[in-house]
């Protein structure tokens, strides 16, 4: 479980989102992964740099978030191997309807898996660290910046 301070920062971000105008959503990131440690670590990295982040544990939860809230996400970071709905399906669905949404596919798997995700509509593919290895903050910040720039 993430430290209390990390959970509080995620809660503060979620509360800020509830009062955020729809048009000022530059820097709004959705992380879809069944690994809560990955979501927590990446959320911490991005929130420290001013991005607003929401997490979903599977494709169904991600679609519910996207459909139930009038939030214009700038970026979706999607694990290609998800329960209840594959990340490939989610990437295909989102890329078919995306306006300005950028998609980064993630996987511990081989590069071929990420190439498949890109062929289905992801804008980039990033290899995920093995369990227990901390995320490379510089790598993630560089990739997010490349896709959507700095948050407003």
Protein backbone atom coordinates (compact mmCIF):
# COMPACT_ATOMS: atom_id res chain seq x y z
CA UNK A 1 0.00 0.00 0.00
CA UNK A 2 1.37 3.48 -0.85
CA UNK A 3 2.43 5.74 2.00
CA UNK A 4 -0.27 7.93 3.52
CA UNK A 5 1.28 11.08 2.01
CA UNK A 6 1.11 9.53 -1.47
CA UNK A 7 -2.54 8.54 -0.99
CA UNK A 8 -3.33 12.06 0.24
CA UNK A 9 -1.75 13.65 -2.83
CA UNK A 10 -3.83 11.39 -5.10
CA UNK A 11 -6.95 12.36 -3.15
CA UNK A 12 -6.11 16.06 -3.46
CA UNK A 13 -5.63 15.62 -7.21
CA UNK A 14 -8.97 13.81 -7.47
CA UNK A 15 -10.70 16.60 -5.55
CA UNK A 16 -9.09 19.24 -7.78
CA UNK A 17 -10.39 17.37 -10.83
CA UNK A 18 -13.95 17.60 -9.60
CA UNK A 19 -13.73 21.41 -9.75
CA UNK A 20 -11.61 21.71 -12.88
CA UNK A 21 -13.15 23.28 -15.98
CA UNK A 22 -13.33 20.81 -18.86
CA UNK A 23 -11.38 23.07 -21.21
CA UNK A 24 -8.35 23.26 -18.86
CA UNK A 25 -7.53 19.58 -18.95
CA UNK A 26 -4.03 19.81 -20.52
CA UNK A 27 -1.96 17.49 -18.41
CA UNK A 28 -4.83 15.21 -17.38
CA UNK A 29 -3.52 11.63 -17.46
CA UNK A 30 -5.35 8.31 -17.14
CA UNK A 31 -3.24 5.32 -16.05
CA UNK A 32 -4.83 1.93 -16.72
CA UNK A 33 -3.01 -0.97 -15.09
CA UNK A 34 -3.90 -3.88 -12.83
CA UNK A 35 -0.72 -3.27 -10.79
CA UNK A 36 -1.53 -0.77 -8.01
CA UNK A 37 2.18 -0.26 -7.28
CA UNK A 38 2.80 0.85 -10.88
CA UNK A 39 -0.17 3.24 -10.75
CA UNK A 40 0.98 4.64 -7.41
CA UNK A 41 4.62 5.13 -8.47
CA UNK A 42 3.76 6.71 -11.82
CA UNK A 43 1.09 8.90 -10.23
CA UNK A 44 3.62 10.17 -7.71
CA UNK A 45 6.14 10.99 -10.47
CA UNK A 46 3.58 12.83 -12.61
CA UNK A 47 1.78 14.69 -9.79
CA UNK A 48 5.12 16.06 -8.56
CA UNK A 49 5.54 17.69 -11.99
CA UNK A 50 2.05 19.17 -12.03
CA UNK A 51 0.13 16.61 -14.05
CA UNK A 52 -3.33 15.54 -12.87
CA UNK A 53 -3.74 11.78 -12.72
CA UNK A 54 -6.55 9.27 -12.38
CA UNK A 55 -5.99 5.51 -12.25
CA UNK A 56 -8.09 2.56 -13.33
CA UNK A 57 -7.41 -1.10 -12.55
CA UNK A 58 -8.90 -2.51 -15.76
CA UNK A 59 -10.33 -1.58 -19.13
CA UNK A 60 -13.93 -1.52 -17.90
CA UNK A 61 -13.07 0.93 -15.10
CA UNK A 62 -11.15 3.07 -17.58
CA UNK A 63 -14.10 3.25 -19.97
CA UNK A 64 -16.43 4.05 -17.06
CA UNK A 65 -14.15 6.95 -16.06
CA UNK A 66 -13.98 8.21 -19.62
CA UNK A 67 -17.74 7.93 -20.18
CA UNK A 68 -19.07 9.13 -16.82
CA UNK A 69 -17.04 12.29 -16.44
CA UNK A 70 -16.79 15.26 -18.72
CA UNK A 71 -13.02 15.23 -18.52
CA UNK A 72 -10.86 15.55 -21.58
CA UNK A 73 -7.85 13.38 -20.87
CA UNK A 74 -4.68 14.41 -22.69
CA UNK A 75 -2.98 11.06 -22.25
CA UNK A 76 -3.87 7.45 -21.49
CA UNK A 77 -1.11 5.11 -20.29
CA UNK A 78 -2.41 1.58 -20.84
CA UNK A 79 -0.99 -1.80 -19.85
CA UNK A 80 -1.64 -4.09 -22.81
CA UNK A 81 -2.38 -7.08 -20.55
CA UNK A 82 -5.42 -6.20 -18.42
CA UNK A 83 -8.16 -8.23 -16.74
CA UNK A 84 -11.80 -7.95 -17.92
CA UNK A 85 -10.85 -6.23 -21.20
CA UNK A 86 -7.48 -6.42 -22.89
CA UNK A 87 -5.35 -3.33 -23.20
CA UNK A 88 -5.23 -4.01 -26.93
CA UNK A 89 -9.04 -3.73 -27.10
CA UNK A 90 -9.00 -0.54 -25.04
CA UNK A 91 -6.28 1.02 -27.22
CA UNK A 92 -8.20 0.13 -30.38
CA UNK A 93 -11.44 1.56 -28.97
CA UNK A 94 -9.85 4.78 -27.71
CA UNK A 95 -7.78 5.38 -30.84
CA UNK A 96 -10.87 5.07 -33.03
CA UNK A 97 -12.60 7.86 -31.11
CA UNK A 98 -9.72 9.98 -29.89
CA UNK A 99 -9.64 13.65 -30.66
CA UNK A 100 -6.50 14.92 -28.97
CA UNK A 101 -5.92 11.90 -26.74
CA UNK A 102 -2.42 10.46 -26.86
CA UNK A 103 -1.91 6.82 -25.88
CA UNK A 104 1.19 5.18 -24.43
CA UNK A 105 1.09 1.37 -24.32
CA UNK A 106 3.10 -0.35 -21.58
CA UNK A 107 4.12 -3.96 -21.14
CA UNK A 108 6.72 -6.10 -19.46
CA UNK A 109 6.56 -8.21 -22.61
CA UNK A 110 8.68 -8.11 -25.72
CA UNK A 111 8.98 -5.18 -28.13
CA UNK A 112 6.71 -7.07 -30.53
CA UNK A 113 3.86 -6.64 -28.03
CA UNK A 114 4.40 -2.86 -27.96
CA UNK A 115 4.66 -2.77 -31.77
CA UNK A 116 1.26 -4.49 -31.96
CA UNK A 117 -0.20 -1.86 -29.61
CA UNK A 118 1.21 0.92 -31.81
CA UNK A 119 -0.28 -0.70 -34.90
CA UNK A 120 -3.68 -0.65 -33.12
CA UNK A 121 -3.44 3.10 -32.44
CA UNK A 122 -1.08 3.74 -29.53
CA UNK A 123 1.23 6.71 -30.09
CA UNK A 124 4.16 5.12 -28.25
CA UNK A 125 5.19 1.99 -26.40
CA UNK A 126 7.23 1.87 -23.22
CA UNK A 127 8.72 -1.24 -21.64
CA UNK A 128 7.55 -1.62 -18.06
CA UNK A 129 10.01 -2.40 -15.27
CA UNK A 130 9.86 -5.83 -13.69
CA UNK A 131 7.97 -6.01 -10.37
CA UNK A 132 10.04 -4.64 -7.52
CA UNK A 133 12.18 -2.36 -9.70
CA UNK A 134 11.39 1.35 -9.21
CA UNK A 135 10.22 3.31 -12.23
CA UNK A 136 12.72 5.53 -14.02
CA UNK A 137 11.22 8.97 -13.35
CA UNK A 138 13.30 10.69 -16.04
CA UNK A 139 12.24 8.18 -18.69
CA UNK A 140 8.56 8.55 -17.83
CA UNK A 141 8.65 12.34 -17.62
CA UNK A 142 10.46 12.52 -20.96
CA UNK A 143 7.89 10.26 -22.64
CA UNK A 144 4.91 12.10 -21.18
CA UNK A 145 6.42 15.46 -22.13
CA UNK A 146 7.05 14.17 -25.66
CA UNK A 147 3.38 13.18 -25.99
CA UNK A 148 1.55 16.08 -24.30
CA UNK A 149 4.07 18.67 -23.17
CA UNK A 150 4.04 20.35 -19.78
CA UNK A 151 0.80 20.69 -17.84
CA UNK A 152 -0.89 24.10 -17.94
